[in-house]
Full PDB file with SEQRES, HELIX, SHEET, SSBOND, CRYST1, ORIGX, SCALE, CONECT and MASTER records, all heavy atoms in Angstrom:
SEQRES   1 A   42  THR GLU GLU LEU THR LYS MET CYS VAL PHE THR PHE CYS          
SEQRES   2 A   42  VAL ARG ILE VAL ALA SER ASN LEU ASN GLN LYS LYS SER          
SEQRES   3 A   42  LEU HIS THR ASP VAL ILE ASN THR ALA ALA PHE VAL PHE          
SEQRES   4 A   42  ALA LEU PHE                                                  
HELIX    1 AA1 GLU A    2  ASN A   20  1                                  19    
HELIX    2 AA2 THR A   29  LEU A   41  1                                  13    
CRYST1    1.000    1.000    1.000  90.00  90.00  90.00 P 1           1          
ORIGX1      1.000000  0.000000  0.000000        0.00000                         
ORIGX2      0.000000  1.000000  0.000000        0.00000                         
ORIGX3      0.000000  0.000000  1.000000        0.00000                         
SCALE1      1.000000  0.000000  0.000000        0.00000                         
SCALE2      0.000000  1.000000  0.000000        0.00000                         
SCALE3      0.000000  0.000000  1.000000        0.00000                         
ATOM      1  N   THR A   1     110.108  58.283  98.420  1.00  0.00           N  
ATOM      2  CA  THR A   1     110.657  58.846  99.657  1.00  0.00           C  
ATOM      3  C   THR A   1     112.145  58.576  99.777  1.00  0.00           C  
ATOM      4  O   THR A   1     112.937  59.475 100.082  1.00  0.00           O  
ATOM      5  CB  THR A   1     109.928  58.268 100.882  1.00  0.00           C  
ATOM      6  OG1 THR A   1     108.538  58.560 100.783  1.00  0.00           O  
ATOM      7  CG2 THR A   1     110.477  58.860 102.170  1.00  0.00           C  
ATOM      8  N   GLU A   2     112.546  57.322  99.545  1.00  0.00           N  
ATOM      9  CA  GLU A   2     113.952  56.961  99.711  1.00  0.00           C  
ATOM     10  C   GLU A   2     114.840  57.641  98.688  1.00  0.00           C  
ATOM     11  O   GLU A   2     115.915  58.155  99.025  1.00  0.00           O  
ATOM     12  CB  GLU A   2     114.106  55.439  99.641  1.00  0.00           C  
ATOM     13  CG  GLU A   2     113.533  54.712 100.846  1.00  0.00           C  
ATOM     14  CD  GLU A   2     113.874  53.234 100.860  1.00  0.00           C  
ATOM     15  OE1 GLU A   2     114.558  52.764  99.921  1.00  0.00           O  
ATOM     16  OE2 GLU A   2     113.462  52.555 101.816  1.00  0.00           O  
ATOM     17  N   GLU A   3     114.429  57.655  97.434  1.00  0.00           N  
ATOM     18  CA  GLU A   3     115.281  58.239  96.402  1.00  0.00           C  
ATOM     19  C   GLU A   3     115.410  59.754  96.555  1.00  0.00           C  
ATOM     20  O   GLU A   3     116.497  60.309  96.376  1.00  0.00           O  
ATOM     21  CB  GLU A   3     114.764  57.874  95.006  1.00  0.00           C  
ATOM     22  CG  GLU A   3     114.838  56.395  94.680  1.00  0.00           C  
ATOM     23  CD  GLU A   3     116.218  55.812  94.902  1.00  0.00           C  
ATOM     24  OE1 GLU A   3     117.228  56.511  94.659  1.00  0.00           O  
ATOM     25  OE2 GLU A   3     116.292  54.649  95.345  1.00  0.00           O  
ATOM     26  N   LEU A   4     114.317  60.429  96.882  1.00  0.00           N  
ATOM     27  CA  LEU A   4     114.393  61.874  97.099  1.00  0.00           C  
ATOM     28  C   LEU A   4     115.239  62.197  98.326  1.00  0.00           C  
ATOM     29  O   LEU A   4     116.052  63.138  98.307  1.00  0.00           O  
ATOM     30  CB  LEU A   4     112.987  62.456  97.260  1.00  0.00           C  
ATOM     31  CG  LEU A   4     112.133  62.528  95.995  1.00  0.00           C  
ATOM     32  CD1 LEU A   4     110.744  63.056  96.325  1.00  0.00           C  
ATOM     33  CD2 LEU A   4     112.787  63.400  94.932  1.00  0.00           C  
ATOM     34  N   THR A   5     115.056  61.408  99.388  1.00  0.00           N  
ATOM     35  CA  THR A   5     115.840  61.626 100.603  1.00  0.00           C  
ATOM     36  C   THR A   5     117.317  61.405 100.337  1.00  0.00           C  
ATOM     37  O   THR A   5     118.165  62.228 100.712  1.00  0.00           O  
ATOM     38  CB  THR A   5     115.376  60.667 101.722  1.00  0.00           C  
ATOM     39  OG1 THR A   5     114.007  60.926 102.024  1.00  0.00           O  
ATOM     40  CG2 THR A   5     116.214  60.859 102.981  1.00  0.00           C  
ATOM     41  N   LYS A   6     117.641  60.294  99.691  1.00  0.00           N  
ATOM     42  CA  LYS A   6     119.047  59.992  99.415  1.00  0.00           C  
ATOM     43  C   LYS A   6     119.683  61.057  98.525  1.00  0.00           C  
ATOM     44  O   LYS A   6     120.819  61.474  98.761  1.00  0.00           O  
ATOM     45  CB  LYS A   6     119.163  58.609  98.768  1.00  0.00           C  
ATOM     46  CG  LYS A   6     118.888  57.457  99.718  1.00  0.00           C  
ATOM     47  CD  LYS A   6     119.255  56.118  99.087  1.00  0.00           C  
ATOM     48  CE  LYS A   6     118.367  55.784  97.927  1.00  0.00           C  
ATOM     49  NZ  LYS A   6     118.702  54.464  97.321  1.00  0.00           N  
ATOM     50  N   MET A   7     118.947  61.497  97.500  1.00  0.00           N  
ATOM     51  CA  MET A   7     119.518  62.471  96.579  1.00  0.00           C  
ATOM     52  C   MET A   7     119.735  63.806  97.270  1.00  0.00           C  
ATOM     53  O   MET A   7     120.751  64.479  97.050  1.00  0.00           O  
ATOM     54  CB  MET A   7     118.590  62.640  95.369  1.00  0.00           C  
ATOM     55  CG  MET A   7     119.210  63.448  94.232  1.00  0.00           C  
ATOM     56  SD  MET A   7     120.718  62.690  93.595  1.00  0.00           S  
ATOM     57  CE  MET A   7     121.765  64.131  93.375  1.00  0.00           C  
ATOM     58  N   CYS A   8     118.799  64.208  98.135  1.00  0.00           N  
ATOM     59  CA  CYS A   8     118.951  65.477  98.862  1.00  0.00           C  
ATOM     60  C   CYS A   8     120.152  65.430  99.802  1.00  0.00           C  
ATOM     61  O   CYS A   8     120.956  66.374  99.855  1.00  0.00           O  
ATOM     62  CB  CYS A   8     117.678  65.781  99.647  1.00  0.00           C  
ATOM     63  SG  CYS A   8     116.276  66.300  98.629  1.00  0.00           S  
ATOM     64  N   VAL A   9     120.276  64.343 100.552  1.00  0.00           N  
ATOM     65  CA  VAL A   9     121.394  64.215 101.490  1.00  0.00           C  
ATOM     66  C   VAL A   9     122.710  64.116 100.723  1.00  0.00           C  
ATOM     67  O   VAL A   9     123.716  64.725 101.103  1.00  0.00           O  
ATOM     68  CB  VAL A   9     121.207  62.992 102.403  1.00  0.00           C  
ATOM     69  CG1 VAL A   9     122.437  62.782 103.289  1.00  0.00           C  
ATOM     70  CG2 VAL A   9     119.967  63.159 103.260  1.00  0.00           C  
ATOM     71  N   PHE A  10     122.716  63.359  99.643  1.00  0.00           N  
ATOM     72  CA  PHE A  10     123.919  63.215  98.822  1.00  0.00           C  
ATOM     73  C   PHE A  10     124.371  64.567  98.287  1.00  0.00           C  
ATOM     74  O   PHE A  10     125.546  64.934  98.373  1.00  0.00           O  
ATOM     75  CB  PHE A  10     123.642  62.250  97.667  1.00  0.00           C  
ATOM     76  CG  PHE A  10     124.796  62.081  96.722  1.00  0.00           C  
ATOM     77  CD1 PHE A  10     125.856  61.253  97.039  1.00  0.00           C  
ATOM     78  CD2 PHE A  10     124.824  62.758  95.509  1.00  0.00           C  
ATOM     79  CE1 PHE A  10     126.930  61.098  96.167  1.00  0.00           C  
ATOM     80  CE2 PHE A  10     125.889  62.611  94.624  1.00  0.00           C  
ATOM     81  CZ  PHE A  10     126.943  61.783  94.965  1.00  0.00           C  
ATOM     82  N   THR A  11     123.434  65.333  97.727  1.00  0.00           N  
ATOM     83  CA  THR A  11     123.755  66.652  97.183  1.00  0.00           C  
ATOM     84  C   THR A  11     124.289  67.577  98.262  1.00  0.00           C  
ATOM     85  O   THR A  11     125.282  68.298  98.060  1.00  0.00           O  
ATOM     86  CB  THR A  11     122.510  67.275  96.533  1.00  0.00           C  
ATOM     87  OG1 THR A  11     122.061  66.430  95.467  1.00  0.00           O  
ATOM     88  CG2 THR A  11     122.823  68.664  95.977  1.00  0.00           C  
ATOM     89  N   PHE A  12     123.638  67.571  99.412  1.00  0.00           N  
ATOM     90  CA  PHE A  12     124.064  68.417 100.529  1.00  0.00           C  
ATOM     91  C   PHE A  12     125.498  68.093 100.937  1.00  0.00           C  
ATOM     92  O   PHE A  12     126.329  68.985 101.116  1.00  0.00           O  
ATOM     93  CB  PHE A  12     123.112  68.213 101.708  1.00  0.00           C  
ATOM     94  CG  PHE A  12     123.527  68.937 102.955  1.00  0.00           C  
ATOM     95  CD1 PHE A  12     123.304  70.303 103.085  1.00  0.00           C  
ATOM     96  CD2 PHE A  12     124.146  68.256 103.988  1.00  0.00           C  
ATOM     97  CE1 PHE A  12     123.689  70.981 104.230  1.00  0.00           C  
ATOM     98  CE2 PHE A  12     124.537  68.922 105.136  1.00  0.00           C  
ATOM     99  CZ  PHE A  12     124.311  70.289 105.266  1.00  0.00           C  
ATOM    100  N   CYS A  13     125.795  66.804 101.074  1.00  0.00           N  
ATOM    101  CA  CYS A  13     127.136  66.403 101.513  1.00  0.00           C  
ATOM    102  C   CYS A  13     128.207  66.742 100.492  1.00  0.00           C  
ATOM    103  O   CYS A  13     129.303  67.174 100.846  1.00  0.00           O  
ATOM    104  CB  CYS A  13     127.150  64.901 101.821  1.00  0.00           C  
ATOM    105  SG  CYS A  13     126.194  64.447 103.270  1.00  0.00           S  
ATOM    106  N   VAL A  14     127.902  66.533  99.216  1.00  0.00           N  
ATOM    107  CA  VAL A  14     128.879  66.852  98.179  1.00  0.00           C  
ATOM    108  C   VAL A  14     129.189  68.341  98.189  1.00  0.00           C  
ATOM    109  O   VAL A  14     130.347  68.752  98.084  1.00  0.00           O  
ATOM    110  CB  VAL A  14     128.363  66.416  96.791  1.00  0.00           C  
ATOM    111  CG1 VAL A  14     129.264  66.969  95.686  1.00  0.00           C  
ATOM    112  CG2 VAL A  14     128.305  64.897  96.699  1.00  0.00           C  
ATOM    113  N   ARG A  15     128.179  69.171  98.330  1.00  0.00           N  
ATOM    114  CA  ARG A  15     128.386  70.621  98.345  1.00  0.00           C  
ATOM    115  C   ARG A  15     129.164  71.060  99.587  1.00  0.00           C  
ATOM    116  O   ARG A  15     130.017  71.956  99.507  1.00  0.00           O  
ATOM    117  CB  ARG A  15     127.043  71.341  98.269  1.00  0.00           C  
ATOM    118  CG  ARG A  15     126.333  71.154  96.935  1.00  0.00           C  
ATOM    119  CD  ARG A  15     125.173  72.103  96.778  1.00  0.00           C  
ATOM    120  NE  ARG A  15     124.443  71.880  95.543  1.00  0.00           N  
ATOM    121  CZ  ARG A  15     124.831  72.298  94.345  1.00  0.00           C  
ATOM    122  NH1 ARG A  15     125.968  72.974  94.219  1.00  0.00           N  
ATOM    123  NH2 ARG A  15     124.108  72.048  93.272  1.00  0.00           N  
ATOM    124  N   ILE A  16     128.873  70.435 100.714  1.00  0.00           N  
ATOM    125  CA  ILE A  16     129.591  70.778 101.941  1.00  0.00           C  
ATOM    126  C   ILE A  16     131.072  70.431 101.804  1.00  0.00           C  
ATOM    127  O   ILE A  16     131.959  71.219 102.150  1.00  0.00           O  
ATOM    128  CB  ILE A  16     128.988  70.046 103.162  1.00  0.00           C  
ATOM    129  CG1 ILE A  16     127.620  70.632 103.501  1.00  0.00           C  
ATOM    130  CG2 ILE A  16     129.922  70.137 104.364  1.00  0.00           C  
ATOM    131  CD1 ILE A  16     127.656  72.075 103.944  1.00  0.00           C  
ATOM    132  N   VAL A  17     131.355  69.245 101.294  1.00  0.00           N  
ATOM    133  CA  VAL A  17     132.747  68.820 101.137  1.00  0.00           C  
ATOM    134  C   VAL A  17     133.462  69.689 100.119  1.00  0.00           C  
ATOM    135  O   VAL A  17     134.611  70.087 100.323  1.00  0.00           O  
ATOM    136  CB  VAL A  17     132.817  67.325 100.731  1.00  0.00           C  
ATOM    137  CG1 VAL A  17     134.248  66.943 100.399  1.00  0.00           C  
ATOM    138  CG2 VAL A  17     132.278  66.444 101.849  1.00  0.00           C  
ATOM    139  N   ALA A  18     132.789  69.994  99.002  1.00  0.00           N  
ATOM    140  CA  ALA A  18     133.401  70.850  97.977  1.00  0.00           C  
ATOM    141  C   ALA A  18     133.739  72.216  98.556  1.00  0.00           C  
ATOM    142  O   ALA A  18     134.793  72.786  98.276  1.00  0.00           O  
ATOM    143  CB  ALA A  18     132.455  70.991  96.789  1.00  0.00           C  
ATOM    144  N   SER A  19     132.848  72.732  99.381  1.00  0.00           N  
ATOM    145  CA  SER A  19     133.077  74.031 100.010  1.00  0.00           C  
ATOM    146  C   SER A  19     134.268  73.976 100.965  1.00  0.00           C  
ATOM    147  O   SER A  19     135.115  74.874 100.980  1.00  0.00           O  
ATOM    148  CB  SER A  19     131.825  74.472 100.764  1.00  0.00           C  
ATOM    149  OG  SER A  19     132.043  75.681 101.458  1.00  0.00           O  
ATOM    150  N   ASN A  20     134.347  72.912 101.744  1.00  0.00           N  
ATOM    151  CA  ASN A  20     135.449  72.771 102.698  1.00  0.00           C  
ATOM    152  C   ASN A  20     136.791  72.608 102.008  1.00  0.00           C  
ATOM    153  O   ASN A  20     137.839  72.975 102.549  1.00  0.00           O  
ATOM    154  CB  ASN A  20     135.202  71.582 103.619  1.00  0.00           C  
ATOM    155  CG  ASN A  20     134.079  71.841 104.606  1.00  0.00           C  
ATOM    156  OD1 ASN A  20     133.752  72.990 104.889  1.00  0.00           O  
ATOM    157  ND2 ASN A  20     133.479  70.787 105.115  1.00  0.00           N  
ATOM    158  N   LEU A  21     136.756  72.045 100.792  1.00  0.00           N  
ATOM    159  CA  LEU A  21     137.988  71.834 100.044  1.00  0.00           C  
ATOM    160  C   LEU A  21     138.286  73.004  99.104  1.00  0.00           C  
ATOM    161  O   LEU A  21     139.174  72.919  98.262  1.00  0.00           O  
ATOM    162  CB  LEU A  21     137.899  70.537  99.236  1.00  0.00           C  
ATOM    163  CG  LEU A  21     137.802  69.247 100.073  1.00  0.00           C  
ATOM    164  CD1 LEU A  21     137.599  68.046  99.167  1.00  0.00           C  
ATOM    165  CD2 LEU A  21     139.050  69.067 100.931  1.00  0.00           C  
ATOM    166  N   ASN A  22     137.476  74.058  99.230  1.00  0.00           N  
ATOM    167  CA  ASN A  22     137.670  75.262  98.405  1.00  0.00           C  
ATOM    168  C   ASN A  22     137.524  74.970  96.918  1.00  0.00           C  
ATOM    169  O   ASN A  22     138.196  75.569  96.081  1.00  0.00           O  
ATOM    170  CB  ASN A  22     139.045  75.897  98.668  1.00  0.00           C  
ATOM    171  CG  ASN A  22     139.161  76.413 100.097  1.00  0.00           C  
ATOM    172  OD1 ASN A  22     138.217  76.991 100.626  1.00  0.00           O  
ATOM    173  ND2 ASN A  22     140.315  76.181 100.698  1.00  0.00           N  
ATOM    174  N   GLN A  23     136.649  74.016  96.601  1.00  0.00           N  
ATOM    175  CA  GLN A  23     136.338  73.724  95.203  1.00  0.00           C  
ATOM    176  C   GLN A  23     134.930  74.260  94.960  1.00  0.00           C  
ATOM    177  O   GLN A  23     133.941  73.558  95.187  1.00  0.00           O  
ATOM    178  CB  GLN A  23     136.417  72.223  94.924  1.00  0.00           C  
ATOM    179  CG  GLN A  23     137.814  71.666  95.156  1.00  0.00           C  
ATOM    180  CD  GLN A  23     137.910  70.189  94.818  1.00  0.00           C  
ATOM    181  OE1 GLN A  23     137.212  69.704  93.946  1.00  0.00           O  
ATOM    182  NE2 GLN A  23     138.785  69.492  95.504  1.00  0.00           N  
ATOM    183  N   LYS A  24     134.831  75.508  94.525  1.00  0.00           N  
ATOM    184  CA  LYS A  24     133.559  76.201  94.480  1.00  0.00           C  
ATOM    185  C   LYS A  24     132.551  75.551  93.542  1.00  0.00           C  
ATOM    186  O   LYS A  24     131.354  75.543  93.816  1.00  0.00           O  
ATOM    187  CB  LYS A  24     133.783  77.663  94.072  1.00  0.00           C  
ATOM    188  CG  LYS A  24     134.598  78.445  95.099  1.00  0.00           C  
ATOM    189  CD  LYS A  24     134.746  79.885  94.685  1.00  0.00           C  
ATOM    190  CE  LYS A  24     135.536  80.676  95.737  1.00  0.00           C  
ATOM    191  NZ  LYS A  24     135.688  82.093  95.345  1.00  0.00           N  
ATOM    192  N   LYS A  25     133.015  75.043  92.435  1.00  0.00           N  
ATOM    193  CA  LYS A  25     132.069  74.483  91.470  1.00  0.00           C  
ATOM    194  C   LYS A  25     131.595  73.102  91.903  1.00  0.00           C  
ATOM    195  O   LYS A  25     130.420  72.848  92.041  1.00  0.00           O  
ATOM    196  CB  LYS A  25     132.706  74.417  90.077  1.00  0.00           C  
ATOM    197  CG  LYS A  25     132.932  75.785  89.455  1.00  0.00           C  
ATOM    198  CD  LYS A  25     133.455  75.643  88.036  1.00  0.00           C  
ATOM    199  CE  LYS A  25     133.611  77.014  87.389  1.00  0.00           C  
ATOM    200  NZ  LYS A  25     134.108  76.908  85.994  1.00  0.00           N  
ATOM    201  N   SER A  26     132.524  72.195  92.087  1.00  0.00           N  
ATOM    202  CA  SER A  26     132.151  70.834  92.469  1.00  0.00           C  
ATOM    203  C   SER A  26     133.416  70.053  92.763  1.00  0.00           C  
ATOM    204  O   SER A  26     134.520  70.587  92.694  1.00  0.00           O  
ATOM    205  CB  SER A  26     131.356  70.158  91.347  1.00  0.00           C  
ATOM    206  OG  SER A  26     130.941  68.872  91.749  1.00  0.00           O  
ATOM    207  N   LEU A  27     133.248  68.778  93.058  1.00  0.00           N  
ATOM    208  CA  LEU A  27     134.380  67.900  93.272  1.00  0.00           C  
ATOM    209  C   LEU A  27     134.767  67.231  91.968  1.00  0.00           C  
ATOM    210  O   LEU A  27     134.032  67.269  90.983  1.00  0.00           O  
ATOM    211  CB  LEU A  27     134.018  66.838  94.317  1.00  0.00           C  
ATOM    212  CG  LEU A  27     133.723  67.349  95.730  1.00  0.00           C  
ATOM    213  CD1 LEU A  27     133.187  66.206  96.581  1.00  0.00           C  
ATOM    214  CD2 LEU A  27     134.970  67.931  96.367  1.00  0.00           C  
ATOM    215  N   HIS A  28     135.917  66.585  91.978  1.00  0.00           N  
ATOM    216  CA  HIS A  28     136.364  65.841  90.807  1.00  0.00           C  
ATOM    217  C   HIS A  28     135.339  64.748  90.496  1.00  0.00           C  
ATOM    218  O   HIS A  28     134.746  64.154  91.395  1.00  0.00           O  
ATOM    219  CB  HIS A  28     137.737  65.231  91.097  1.00  0.00           C  
ATOM    220  CG  HIS A  28     138.399  64.662  89.885  1.00  0.00           C  
ATOM    221  ND1 HIS A  28     138.110  63.391  89.426  1.00  0.00           N  
ATOM    222  CD2 HIS A  28     139.330  65.174  89.035  1.00  0.00           C  
ATOM    223  CE1 HIS A  28     138.841  63.145  88.351  1.00  0.00           C  
ATOM    224  NE2 HIS A  28     139.585  64.207  88.091  1.00  0.00           N  
ATOM    225  N   THR A  29     135.131  64.479  89.226  1.00  0.00           N  
ATOM    226  CA  THR A  29     134.124  63.500  88.810  1.00  0.00           C  
ATOM    227  C   THR A  29     134.351  62.136  89.448  1.00  0.00           C  
ATOM    228  O   THR A  29     133.400  61.480  89.897  1.00  0.00           O  
ATOM    229  CB  THR A  29     134.143  63.352  87.273  1.00  0.00           C  
ATOM    230  OG1 THR A  29     133.874  64.620  86.674  1.00  0.00           O  
ATOM    231  CG2 THR A  29     133.086  62.351  86.828  1.00  0.00           C  
ATOM    232  N   ASP A  30     135.605  61.690  89.503  1.00  0.00           N  
ATOM    233  CA  ASP A  30     135.905  60.392  90.099  1.00  0.00           C  
ATOM    234  C   ASP A  30     135.526  60.345  91.576  1.00  0.00           C  
ATOM    235  O   ASP A  30     135.076  59.326  92.091  1.00  0.00           O  
ATOM    236  CB  ASP A  30     137.398  60.062  89.947  1.00  0.00           C  
ATOM    237  CG  ASP A  30     137.775  59.737  88.514  1.00  0.00           C  
ATOM    238  OD1 ASP A  30     136.853  59.510  87.711  1.00  0.00           O  
ATOM    239  OD2 ASP A  30     138.977  59.725  88.200  1.00  0.00           O  
ATOM    240  N   VAL A  31     135.704  61.461  92.259  1.00  0.00           N  
ATOM    241  CA  VAL A  31     135.379  61.524  93.679  1.00  0.00           C  
ATOM    242  C   VAL A  31     133.873  61.419  93.877  1.00  0.00           C  
ATOM    243  O   VAL A  31     133.387  60.695  94.754  1.00  0.00           O  
ATOM    244  CB  VAL A  31     135.906  62.824  94.308  1.00  0.00           C  
ATOM    245  CG1 VAL A  31     135.529  62.889  95.785  1.00  0.00           C  
ATOM    246  CG2 VAL A  31     137.409  62.919  94.145  1.00  0.00           C  
ATOM    247  N   ILE A  32     133.104  62.142  93.055  1.00  0.00           N  
ATOM    248  CA  ILE A  32     131.647  62.103  93.166  1.00  0.00           C  
ATOM    249  C   ILE A  32     131.130  60.707  92.845  1.00  0.00           C  
ATOM    250  O   ILE A  32     130.218  60.200  93.505  1.00  0.00           O  
ATOM    251  CB  ILE A  32     131.010  63.145  92.227  1.00  0.00           C  
ATOM    252  CG1 ILE A  32     131.394  64.552  92.675  1.00  0.00           C  
ATOM    253  CG2 ILE A  32     129.495  62.993  92.218  1.00  0.00           C  
ATOM    254  CD1 ILE A  32     130.808  65.654  91.826  1.00  0.00           C  
ATOM    255  N   ASN A  33     131.704  60.049  91.831  1.00  0.00           N  
ATOM    256  CA  ASN A  33     131.279  58.689  91.488  1.00  0.00           C  
ATOM    257  C   ASN A  33     131.557  57.719  92.626  1.00  0.00           C  
ATOM    258  O   ASN A  33     130.722  56.874  92.959  1.00  0.00           O  
ATOM    259  CB  ASN A  33     131.998  58.221  90.217  1.00  0.00           C  
ATOM    260  CG  ASN A  33     131.510  58.947  88.974  1.00  0.00           C  
ATOM    261  OD1 ASN A  33     130.399  59.475  88.942  1.00  0.00           O  
ATOM    262  ND2 ASN A  33     132.339  58.987  87.944  1.00  0.00           N  
ATOM    263  N   THR A  34     132.749  57.840  93.229  1.00  0.00           N  
ATOM    264  CA  THR A  34     133.094  56.986  94.363  1.00  0.00           C  
ATOM    265  C   THR A  34     132.169  57.261  95.542  1.00  0.00           C  
ATOM    266  O   THR A  34     131.710  56.337  96.225  1.00  0.00           O  
ATOM    267  CB  THR A  34     134.558  57.206  94.785  1.00  0.00           C  
ATOM    268  OG1 THR A  34     135.415  56.907  93.683  1.00  0.00           O  
ATOM    269  CG2 THR A  34     134.924  56.321  95.969  1.00  0.00           C  
ATOM    270  N   ALA A  35     131.881  58.535  95.776  1.00  0.00           N  
ATOM    271  CA  ALA A  35     130.988  58.909  96.869  1.00  0.00           C  
ATOM    272  C   ALA A  35     129.593  58.329  96.665  1.00  0.00           C  
ATOM    273  O   ALA A  35     128.963  57.850  97.614  1.00  0.00           O  
ATOM    274  CB  ALA A  35     130.914  60.428  96.984  1.00  0.00           C  
ATOM    275  N   ALA A  36     129.105  58.367  95.430  1.00  0.00           N  
ATOM    276  CA  ALA A  36     127.774  57.824  95.136  1.00  0.00           C  
ATOM    277  C   ALA A  36     127.729  56.333  95.403  1.00  0.00           C  
ATOM    278  O   ALA A  36     126.753  55.812  95.961  1.00  0.00           O  
ATOM    279  CB  ALA A  36     127.411  58.120  93.676  1.00  0.00           C  
ATOM    280  N   PHE A  37     128.788  55.631  95.013  1.00  0.00           N  
ATOM    281  CA  PHE A  37     128.860  54.187  95.243  1.00  0.00           C  
ATOM    282  C   PHE A  37     128.847  53.870  96.732  1.00  0.00           C  
ATOM    283  O   PHE A  37     128.084  53.036  97.209  1.00  0.00           O  
ATOM    284  CB  PHE A  37     130.117  53.616  94.581  1.00  0.00           C  
ATOM    285  CG  PHE A  37     130.319  52.150  94.813  1.00  0.00           C  
ATOM    286  CD1 PHE A  37     129.634  51.224  94.051  1.00  0.00           C  
ATOM    287  CD2 PHE A  37     131.188  51.683  95.796  1.00  0.00           C  
ATOM    288  CE1 PHE A  37     129.806  49.860  94.257  1.00  0.00           C  
ATOM    289  CE2 PHE A  37     131.363  50.337  96.014  1.00  0.00           C  
ATOM    290  CZ  PHE A  37     130.681  49.417  95.241  1.00  0.00           C  
ATOM    291  N   VAL A  38     129.701  54.561  97.488  1.00  0.00           N  
ATOM    292  CA  VAL A  38     129.799  54.330  98.931  1.00  0.00           C  
ATOM    293  C   VAL A  38     128.492  54.708  99.620  1.00  0.00           C  
ATOM    294  O   VAL A  38     127.988  53.970 100.472  1.00  0.00           O  
ATOM    295  CB  VAL A  38     130.969  55.139  99.527  1.00  0.00           C  
ATOM    296  CG1 VAL A  38     130.976  55.052 101.045  1.00  0.00           C  
ATOM    297  CG2 VAL A  38     132.297  54.645  98.961  1.00  0.00           C  
ATOM    298  N   PHE A  39     127.934  55.835  99.243  1.00  0.00           N  
ATOM    299  CA  PHE A  39     126.690  56.310  99.832  1.00  0.00           C  
ATOM    300  C   PHE A  39     125.565  55.297  99.645  1.00  0.00           C  
ATOM    301  O   PHE A  39     124.866  54.933 100.598  1.00  0.00           O  
ATOM    302  CB  PHE A  39     126.315  57.642  99.196  1.00  0.00           C  
ATOM    303  CG  PHE A  39     125.032  58.236  99.696  1.00  0.00           C  
ATOM    304  CD1 PHE A  39     125.030  59.031 100.825  1.00  0.00           C  
ATOM    305  CD2 PHE A  39     123.843  58.027  99.027  1.00  0.00           C  
ATOM    306  CE1 PHE A  39     123.850  59.595 101.291  1.00  0.00           C  
ATOM    307  CE2 PHE A  39     122.665  58.578  99.484  1.00  0.00           C  
ATOM    308  CZ  PHE A  39     122.662  59.368 100.612  1.00  0.00           C  
ATOM    309  N   ALA A  40     125.390  54.828  98.412  1.00  0.00           N  
ATOM    310  CA  ALA A  40     124.313  53.889  98.113  1.00  0.00           C  
ATOM    311  C   ALA A  40     124.528  52.553  98.809  1.00  0.00           C  
ATOM    312  O   ALA A  40     123.580  51.934  99.313  1.00  0.00           O  
ATOM    313  CB  ALA A  40     124.214  53.684  96.599  1.00  0.00           C  
ATOM    314  N   LEU A  41     125.771  52.092  98.837  1.00  0.00           N  
ATOM    315  CA  LEU A  41     126.065  50.795  99.449  1.00  0.00           C  
ATOM    316  C   LEU A  41     125.797  50.808 100.947  1.00  0.00           C  
ATOM    317  O   LEU A  41     125.192  49.887 101.497  1.00  0.00           O  
ATOM    318  CB  LEU A  41     127.514  50.399  99.170  1.00  0.00           C  
ATOM    319  CG  LEU A  41     127.960  49.048  99.748  1.00  0.00           C  
ATOM    320  CD1 LEU A  41     127.101  47.917  99.212  1.00  0.00           C  
ATOM    321  CD2 LEU A  41     129.421  48.794  99.429  1.00  0.00           C  
ATOM    322  N   PHE A  42     126.224  51.876 101.618  1.00  0.00           N  
ATOM    323  CA  PHE A  42     126.008  51.933 103.057  1.00  0.00           C  
ATOM    324  C   PHE A  42     124.556  52.203 103.403  1.00  0.00           C  
ATOM    325  O   PHE A  42     124.061  51.752 104.442  1.00  0.00           O  
ATOM    326  CB  PHE A  42     126.929  52.967 103.694  1.00  0.00           C  
ATOM    327  CG  PHE A  42     128.302  52.424 103.962  1.00  0.00           C  
ATOM    328  CD1 PHE A  42     129.367  52.742 103.131  1.00  0.00           C  
ATOM    329  CD2 PHE A  42     128.524  51.578 105.028  1.00  0.00           C  
ATOM    330  CE1 PHE A  42     130.631  52.226 103.369  1.00  0.00           C  
ATOM    331  CE2 PHE A  42     129.783  51.057 105.273  1.00  0.00           C  
ATOM    332  CZ  PHE A  42     130.841  51.381 104.434  1.00  0.00           C  
TER     333      PHE A  42                                                      
MASTER        0    0    0    2    0    0    0    6  332    1    0    4          
END                                                                             
């Protein structure tokens, strides 16, 4: 439950931010790695 929930929310947020920043494909790899670290820690 936790891993599926976290992964779904994480994916949703990354796509939303990428869209807002006009990065259609994805965010920079370093940004996604940092986001994953912060997301998991909090």
